[in-house]
Amino acid sequence: MALFNKDRKRSKPPATEGAKSADGGRNGDAALTHRVTKDLDRAETLATMLARSRASRTVEVADLLAGMYIYEWENLSKFWEQQDEIETFLQQICRISPQRWHHWIQFYDQQRHSEEPRKIWQLPKGLKTAKTKAGQPDGRPLSKSVELQNVLKNAEELSPARDFVDGRAIPILTCECVLLAIAKKTDSELGHRLVATGLNVISLEESARNPKHAPKH
């Protein structure tokens, strides 16, 4: 689900949206461990919004899964033959109530038809919060949970794409890499339940490890 205007100018590397440190910080916070594609960056933004909506201090794996579901379902749905079952599961496991789900769908629909790309950063109805000069809602950036950090570290090992930062080659994470890392987390109930919905792990792994196209830019 592409929500950004592809012609919008950016100062970041052309193939990816931004760089992240081990704890999810932006450039300059710590040693950068990976970059993310635009699609994953949007999903992470929505994951943070979802976490804030339930007053959480951390962004959880389920939040990021929800963000990928809402932003990238058109692309990720191909890894399930029975999509009705997995959609119901995702709405439940990601703790999206029917009322909140309606707000998110309205939000996405408005952004998809909007000609102003900056409106993507507006919070859906009922989730608006004051913004600081730094652009962070409430002025308190949320950290990633330990479990989510571990998932992203595993995704770094799965990613075949690399970018160079300060002479270092760091992985570029895609939604497919992260979804595969969640599915392969054998000590996670969420991972087990995700696979049990009929996820075609073989097809997903092939797509994550051997993408047909370079990361979107």
Protein backbone atom coordinates (compact mmCIF):
# COMPACT_ATOMS: atom_id res chain seq x y z
CA MET A 1 0.00 0.00 0.00
CA ALA A 2 1.97 2.99 -1.19
CA LEU A 3 1.05 6.14 0.75
CA PHE A 4 3.99 8.42 -0.01
CA ASN A 5 4.42 10.55 -3.08
CA LYS A 6 7.38 8.91 -4.79
CA ASP A 7 8.42 12.23 -6.29
CA ARG A 8 8.89 13.80 -2.90
CA LYS A 9 12.51 14.86 -2.41
CA ARG A 10 14.49 13.31 0.41
CA SER A 11 17.97 13.80 1.75
CA LYS A 12 18.36 10.17 2.86
CA PRO A 13 19.96 7.42 0.81
CA PRO A 14 17.89 6.69 -2.32
CA ALA A 15 17.18 3.02 -1.67
CA THR A 16 16.00 3.31 1.91
CA GLU A 17 14.09 5.50 4.31
CA GLY A 18 16.48 5.80 7.21
CA ALA A 19 19.05 4.22 9.45
CA LYS A 20 18.38 2.71 12.83
CA SER A 21 20.55 1.86 15.80
CA ALA A 22 20.21 -1.34 17.78
CA ASP A 23 17.53 0.19 20.01
CA GLY A 24 15.65 1.78 17.12
CA GLY A 25 17.19 5.24 17.31
CA ARG A 26 17.64 7.47 14.27
CA ASN A 27 20.91 8.61 12.73
CA GLY A 28 23.48 9.79 15.25
CA ASP A 29 21.93 8.15 18.32
CA ALA A 30 24.25 5.12 18.37
CA ALA A 31 26.06 2.75 16.04
CA LEU A 32 23.69 2.15 13.14
CA THR A 33 22.79 -1.48 12.65
CA HIS A 34 20.38 -1.33 9.71
CA ARG A 35 18.40 0.76 7.30
CA VAL A 36 14.73 0.29 6.51
CA THR A 37 12.75 0.60 3.31
CA LYS A 38 10.09 3.27 3.00
CA ASP A 39 7.36 0.67 3.44
CA LEU A 40 8.83 -0.62 6.67
CA ASP A 41 9.47 2.92 7.91
CA ARG A 42 5.77 3.73 7.42
CA ALA A 43 4.81 0.54 9.22
CA GLU A 44 7.10 1.47 12.12
CA THR A 45 5.51 4.92 12.30
CA LEU A 46 2.07 3.37 12.54
CA ALA A 47 3.34 0.82 15.08
CA THR A 48 4.44 3.70 17.30
CA MET A 49 1.05 5.36 16.91
CA LEU A 50 -0.69 2.12 17.90
CA ALA A 51 1.56 1.75 20.94
CA ARG A 52 0.78 5.31 22.00
CA SER A 53 -2.94 4.72 21.56
CA ARG A 54 -2.80 2.15 24.37
CA ALA A 55 -0.41 4.25 26.49
CA SER A 56 2.45 1.76 26.13
CA ARG A 57 6.02 2.73 26.95
CA THR A 58 7.42 0.42 24.28
CA VAL A 59 6.59 -0.66 20.75
CA GLU A 60 5.86 -4.39 20.69
CA VAL A 61 6.19 -7.00 17.95
CA ALA A 62 2.40 -7.06 17.62
CA ASP A 63 2.41 -3.28 17.00
CA LEU A 64 4.85 -3.62 14.12
CA LEU A 65 2.93 -6.59 12.74
CA ALA A 66 -0.19 -4.43 12.82
CA GLY A 67 1.62 -1.60 11.06
CA MET A 68 2.82 -3.93 8.30
CA TYR A 69 -0.67 -5.38 8.01
CA ILE A 70 -2.33 -2.00 7.53
CA TYR A 71 0.32 -0.49 5.24
CA GLU A 72 1.56 -3.53 3.35
CA TRP A 73 -1.28 -6.04 3.23
CA GLU A 74 -1.64 -5.80 -0.56
CA ASN A 75 1.95 -7.03 -0.84
CA LEU A 76 2.13 -9.44 2.12
CA SER A 77 -1.25 -11.12 1.57
CA LYS A 78 0.22 -13.26 -1.23
CA PHE A 79 1.91 -15.44 1.39
CA TRP A 80 -1.49 -16.78 2.55
CA GLU A 81 -3.94 -18.80 0.48
CA GLN A 82 -6.78 -18.29 2.96
CA GLN A 83 -6.75 -14.56 3.62
CA ASP A 84 -9.98 -14.20 5.59
CA GLU A 85 -8.62 -16.30 8.44
CA ILE A 86 -5.30 -14.47 8.66
CA GLU A 87 -6.96 -11.04 8.52
CA THR A 88 -9.20 -11.96 11.45
CA PHE A 89 -6.19 -13.31 13.32
CA LEU A 90 -4.13 -10.18 12.70
CA GLN A 91 -6.91 -7.88 13.84
CA GLN A 92 -7.17 -9.92 17.06
CA ILE A 93 -3.49 -10.48 17.78
CA CYS A 94 -2.66 -6.86 17.03
CA ARG A 95 -5.38 -5.76 19.44
CA ILE A 96 -7.27 -3.69 16.90
CA SER A 97 -10.85 -3.29 18.10
CA PRO A 98 -13.65 -2.92 15.50
CA GLN A 99 -13.99 0.78 16.36
CA ARG A 100 -10.25 1.41 16.15
CA TRP A 101 -10.05 -0.68 12.99
CA HIS A 102 -12.69 1.58 11.42
CA HIS A 103 -10.60 4.63 12.31
CA TRP A 104 -7.45 3.11 10.77
CA ILE A 105 -9.26 2.22 7.55
CA GLN A 106 -10.67 5.74 7.32
CA PHE A 107 -7.18 7.12 7.97
CA TYR A 108 -5.61 5.01 5.26
CA ASP A 109 -8.34 5.83 2.75
CA GLN A 110 -7.96 9.56 3.38
CA GLN A 111 -4.18 9.40 2.98
CA ARG A 112 -4.35 7.27 -0.15
CA HIS A 113 -6.55 9.84 -1.89
CA SER A 114 -4.79 12.90 -0.52
CA GLU A 115 -2.62 15.03 -2.78
CA GLU A 116 -0.62 16.35 0.19
CA PRO A 117 1.99 13.74 1.24
CA ARG A 118 2.76 15.43 4.55
CA LYS A 119 -0.74 14.54 5.78
CA ILE A 120 0.50 11.01 6.23
CA TRP A 121 1.84 12.06 9.62
CA GLN A 122 -1.57 13.15 10.95
CA LEU A 123 -2.93 10.85 13.63
CA PRO A 124 -6.32 9.22 13.03
CA LYS A 125 -9.40 10.55 14.81
CA GLY A 126 -9.24 9.91 18.53
CA LEU A 127 -5.46 9.50 18.57
CA LYS A 128 -4.34 13.09 18.15
CA THR A 129 -1.68 14.30 20.57
CA ALA A 130 0.28 17.48 20.95
CA LYS A 131 3.51 17.65 18.97
CA THR A 132 6.76 19.20 20.09
CA LYS A 133 9.24 21.10 17.95
CA ALA A 134 11.12 17.85 17.48
CA GLY A 135 8.05 16.35 15.86
CA GLN A 136 7.56 13.60 18.46
CA PRO A 137 4.01 13.19 19.80
CA ASP A 138 4.01 14.05 23.53
CA GLY A 139 7.76 14.68 23.22
CA ARG A 140 8.53 11.15 24.43
CA PRO A 141 10.02 8.85 21.80
CA LEU A 142 9.06 5.24 22.42
CA SER A 143 11.70 2.56 22.61
CA LYS A 144 11.34 -0.89 21.07
CA SER A 145 10.67 -3.82 23.38
CA VAL A 146 13.45 -6.36 23.91
CA GLU A 147 11.47 -8.90 21.90
CA LEU A 148 11.06 -6.50 18.98
CA GLN A 149 14.76 -5.62 19.08
CA ASN A 150 15.56 -9.34 18.86
CA VAL A 151 13.21 -9.76 15.91
CA LEU A 152 14.92 -6.90 14.08
CA LYS A 153 18.36 -8.36 14.84
CA ASN A 154 17.21 -11.66 13.33
CA ALA A 155 15.85 -9.77 10.33
CA GLU A 156 19.27 -8.16 9.88
CA GLU A 157 20.80 -11.62 9.55
CA LEU A 158 18.16 -12.64 6.99
CA SER A 159 18.44 -9.55 4.79
CA PRO A 160 20.47 -9.94 1.58
CA ALA A 161 20.61 -6.22 0.79
CA ARG A 162 23.33 -3.94 2.15
CA ASP A 163 24.04 -0.23 2.29
CA PHE A 164 27.25 1.51 3.31
CA VAL A 165 27.38 3.89 6.28
CA ASP A 166 30.68 5.32 7.46
CA GLY A 167 32.54 2.59 5.61
CA ARG A 168 30.40 -0.19 7.12
CA ALA A 169 28.02 -2.45 5.23
CA ILE A 170 24.72 -2.59 7.10
CA PRO A 171 21.61 -4.60 6.17
CA ILE A 172 18.51 -3.07 4.61
CA LEU A 173 15.36 -4.40 6.23
CA THR A 174 12.14 -5.00 4.31
CA CYS A 175 8.70 -5.97 5.58
CA GLU A 176 9.29 -9.47 4.19
CA CYS A 177 12.50 -9.85 6.23
CA VAL A 178 10.76 -8.74 9.41
CA LEU A 179 7.73 -10.96 8.82
CA LEU A 180 10.05 -13.92 8.24
CA ALA A 181 11.99 -13.12 11.42
CA ILE A 182 8.73 -13.11 13.40
CA ALA A 183 7.68 -16.44 11.87
CA LYS A 184 11.08 -18.00 12.59
CA LYS A 185 11.10 -16.94 16.24
CA THR A 186 10.44 -20.43 17.58
CA ASP A 187 10.31 -19.33 21.23
CA SER A 188 7.51 -16.86 20.52
CA GLU A 189 3.82 -17.71 20.79
CA LEU A 190 3.09 -14.98 18.25
CA GLY A 191 5.45 -16.60 15.77
CA HIS A 192 3.85 -20.03 16.26
CA ARG A 193 0.34 -18.66 15.85
CA LEU A 194 1.34 -16.70 12.77
CA VAL A 195 2.69 -19.82 11.07
CA ALA A 196 -0.41 -21.77 12.14
CA THR A 197 -2.63 -19.42 10.11
CA GLY A 198 -1.32 -20.97 6.92
CA LEU A 199 1.63 -18.67 6.24
CA ASN A 200 3.67 -20.01 3.34
CA VAL A 201 7.04 -19.72 5.07
CA ILE A 202 8.93 -21.22 2.12
CA SER A 203 7.54 -18.64 -0.30
CA LEU A 204 8.11 -15.83 2.21
CA GLU A 205 11.71 -16.87 2.79
CA GLU A 206 12.38 -17.02 -0.94
CA SER A 207 10.97 -13.51 -1.35
CA ALA A 208 12.92 -12.15 1.63
CA ARG A 209 16.25 -13.71 0.76
CA ASN A 210 16.00 -13.38 -3.04
CA PRO A 211 13.92 -10.28 -3.81
CA LYS A 212 13.05 -9.72 -7.45
CA HIS A 213 13.59 -5.98 -7.10
CA ALA A 214 15.90 -3.71 -5.15
CA PRO A 215 14.41 -2.07 -2.02
CA LYS A 216 11.76 0.50 -2.95
CA HIS A 217 12.83 4.12 -3.18
